[in-house]
Amino acid sequence: MHSKLRKAGIVLIVLAVLSRIAEAVFYGDVGPDGVLQESFFLPLTFILLALGLVALAASVVARGGDG
């Protein structure tokens, strides 16, 4: 079970990094009118990163329970 959690955590963190890259490439700059342009990618980055870290922490806890 913990190896599936570890893999899921790694995948979620990779998706968070890709989401951050997409935010930097497509959005995240100040427009000509002085308004910062953002998309859903920025909050998605933090959501995926948090879920990935929780999954990795859960895999560590699950591994500790295996003895």
C-alpha atoms as a PDB file:
ATOM      1  CA  MET A   1       0.000   0.000   0.000  1.00  0.00           C
ATOM      2  CA  HIS A   2       2.748   2.475   0.896  1.00  0.00           C
ATOM      3  CA  SER A   3       4.433   2.087  -2.502  1.00  0.00           C
ATOM      4  CA  LYS A   4       1.180   3.145  -4.201  1.00  0.00           C
ATOM      5  CA  LEU A   5       0.962   6.144  -1.901  1.00  0.00           C
ATOM      6  CA  ARG A   6       4.580   7.022  -2.644  1.00  0.00           C
ATOM      7  CA  LYS A   7       3.993   6.780  -6.403  1.00  0.00           C
ATOM      8  CA  ALA A   8       0.825   8.859  -6.127  1.00  0.00           C
ATOM      9  CA  GLY A   9       2.684  11.474  -4.081  1.00  0.00           C
ATOM     10  CA  ILE A  10       5.494  11.695  -6.613  1.00  0.00           C
ATOM     11  CA  VAL A  11       3.026  11.969  -9.508  1.00  0.00           C
ATOM     12  CA  LEU A  12       1.117  14.737  -7.710  1.00  0.00           C
ATOM     13  CA  ILE A  13       4.321  16.676  -7.047  1.00  0.00           C
ATOM     14  CA  VAL A  14       5.373  16.325 -10.693  1.00  0.00           C
ATOM     15  CA  LEU A  15       1.942  17.592 -11.752  1.00  0.00           C
ATOM     16  CA  ALA A  16       2.363  20.528  -9.357  1.00  0.00           C
ATOM     17  CA  VAL A  17       5.682  21.411 -10.986  1.00  0.00           C
ATOM     18  CA  LEU A  18       4.151  21.154 -14.453  1.00  0.00           C
ATOM     19  CA  SER A  19       1.251  23.335 -13.349  1.00  0.00           C
ATOM     20  CA  ARG A  20       3.677  25.961 -12.056  1.00  0.00           C
ATOM     21  CA  ILE A  21       5.566  25.893 -15.356  1.00  0.00           C
ATOM     22  CA  ALA A  22       2.298  26.310 -17.261  1.00  0.00           C
ATOM     23  CA  GLU A  23       1.424  29.284 -15.047  1.00  0.00           C
ATOM     24  CA  ALA A  24       4.798  30.899 -15.740  1.00  0.00           C
ATOM     25  CA  VAL A  25       4.599  30.283 -19.485  1.00  0.00           C
ATOM     26  CA  PHE A  26       0.995  31.255 -20.185  1.00  0.00           C
ATOM     27  CA  TYR A  27       0.108  33.675 -17.360  1.00  0.00           C
ATOM     28  CA  GLY A  28       1.620  35.430 -14.387  1.00  0.00           C
ATOM     29  CA  ASP A  29       2.682  38.666 -16.044  1.00  0.00           C
ATOM     30  CA  VAL A  30       1.407  42.183 -15.702  1.00  0.00           C
ATOM     31  CA  GLY A  31      -0.752  43.258 -18.614  1.00  0.00           C
ATOM     32  CA  PRO A  32      -0.509  46.613 -20.363  1.00  0.00           C
ATOM     33  CA  ASP A  33      -3.284  47.943 -18.117  1.00  0.00           C
ATOM     34  CA  GLY A  34      -1.254  47.108 -14.961  1.00  0.00           C
ATOM     35  CA  VAL A  35      -3.409  44.144 -13.911  1.00  0.00           C
ATOM     36  CA  LEU A  36      -1.729  40.899 -12.927  1.00  0.00           C
ATOM     37  CA  GLN A  37      -2.956  38.057 -15.134  1.00  0.00           C
ATOM     38  CA  GLU A  38      -3.337  34.767 -13.278  1.00  0.00           C
ATOM     39  CA  SER A  39      -5.051  31.509 -14.018  1.00  0.00           C
ATOM     40  CA  PHE A  40      -6.241  28.445 -12.161  1.00  0.00           C
ATOM     41  CA  PHE A  41      -2.763  26.940 -12.550  1.00  0.00           C
ATOM     42  CA  LEU A  42      -1.343  28.839  -9.574  1.00  0.00           C
ATOM     43  CA  PRO A  43      -3.805  27.563  -6.950  1.00  0.00           C
ATOM     44  CA  LEU A  44      -3.733  24.164  -8.645  1.00  0.00           C
ATOM     45  CA  THR A  45       0.033  24.114  -8.060  1.00  0.00           C
ATOM     46  CA  PHE A  46      -0.415  24.537  -4.317  1.00  0.00           C
ATOM     47  CA  ILE A  47      -3.293  22.058  -4.122  1.00  0.00           C
ATOM     48  CA  LEU A  48      -1.358  19.358  -5.992  1.00  0.00           C
ATOM     49  CA  LEU A  49       1.788  20.032  -3.974  1.00  0.00           C
ATOM     50  CA  ALA A  50      -0.103  19.744  -0.683  1.00  0.00           C
ATOM     51  CA  LEU A  51      -1.796  16.511  -1.759  1.00  0.00           C
ATOM     52  CA  GLY A  52       1.526  15.104  -2.925  1.00  0.00           C
ATOM     53  CA  LEU A  53       3.227  15.906   0.360  1.00  0.00           C
ATOM     54  CA  VAL A  54       0.348  14.388   2.328  1.00  0.00           C
ATOM     55  CA  ALA A  55       0.539  11.216   0.217  1.00  0.00           C
ATOM     56  CA  LEU A  56       4.312  10.967   0.764  1.00  0.00           C
ATOM     57  CA  ALA A  57       3.874  11.507   4.498  1.00  0.00           C
ATOM     58  CA  ALA A  58       1.159   8.859   4.589  1.00  0.00           C
ATOM     59  CA  SER A  59       3.462   6.422   2.801  1.00  0.00           C
ATOM     60  CA  VAL A  60       6.137   7.016   5.436  1.00  0.00           C
ATOM     61  CA  VAL A  61       3.621   6.445   8.232  1.00  0.00           C
ATOM     62  CA  ALA A  62       2.285   3.312   6.523  1.00  0.00           C
ATOM     63  CA  ARG A  63       5.803   1.975   6.057  1.00  0.00           C
ATOM     64  CA  GLY A  64       6.554   2.559   9.728  1.00  0.00           C
ATOM     65  CA  GLY A  65       3.541   0.436  10.634  1.00  0.00           C
ATOM     66  CA  ASP A  66       4.843  -2.533   8.594  1.00  0.00           C
ATOM     67  CA  GLY A  67       7.520  -3.164  11.196  1.00  0.00           C
END
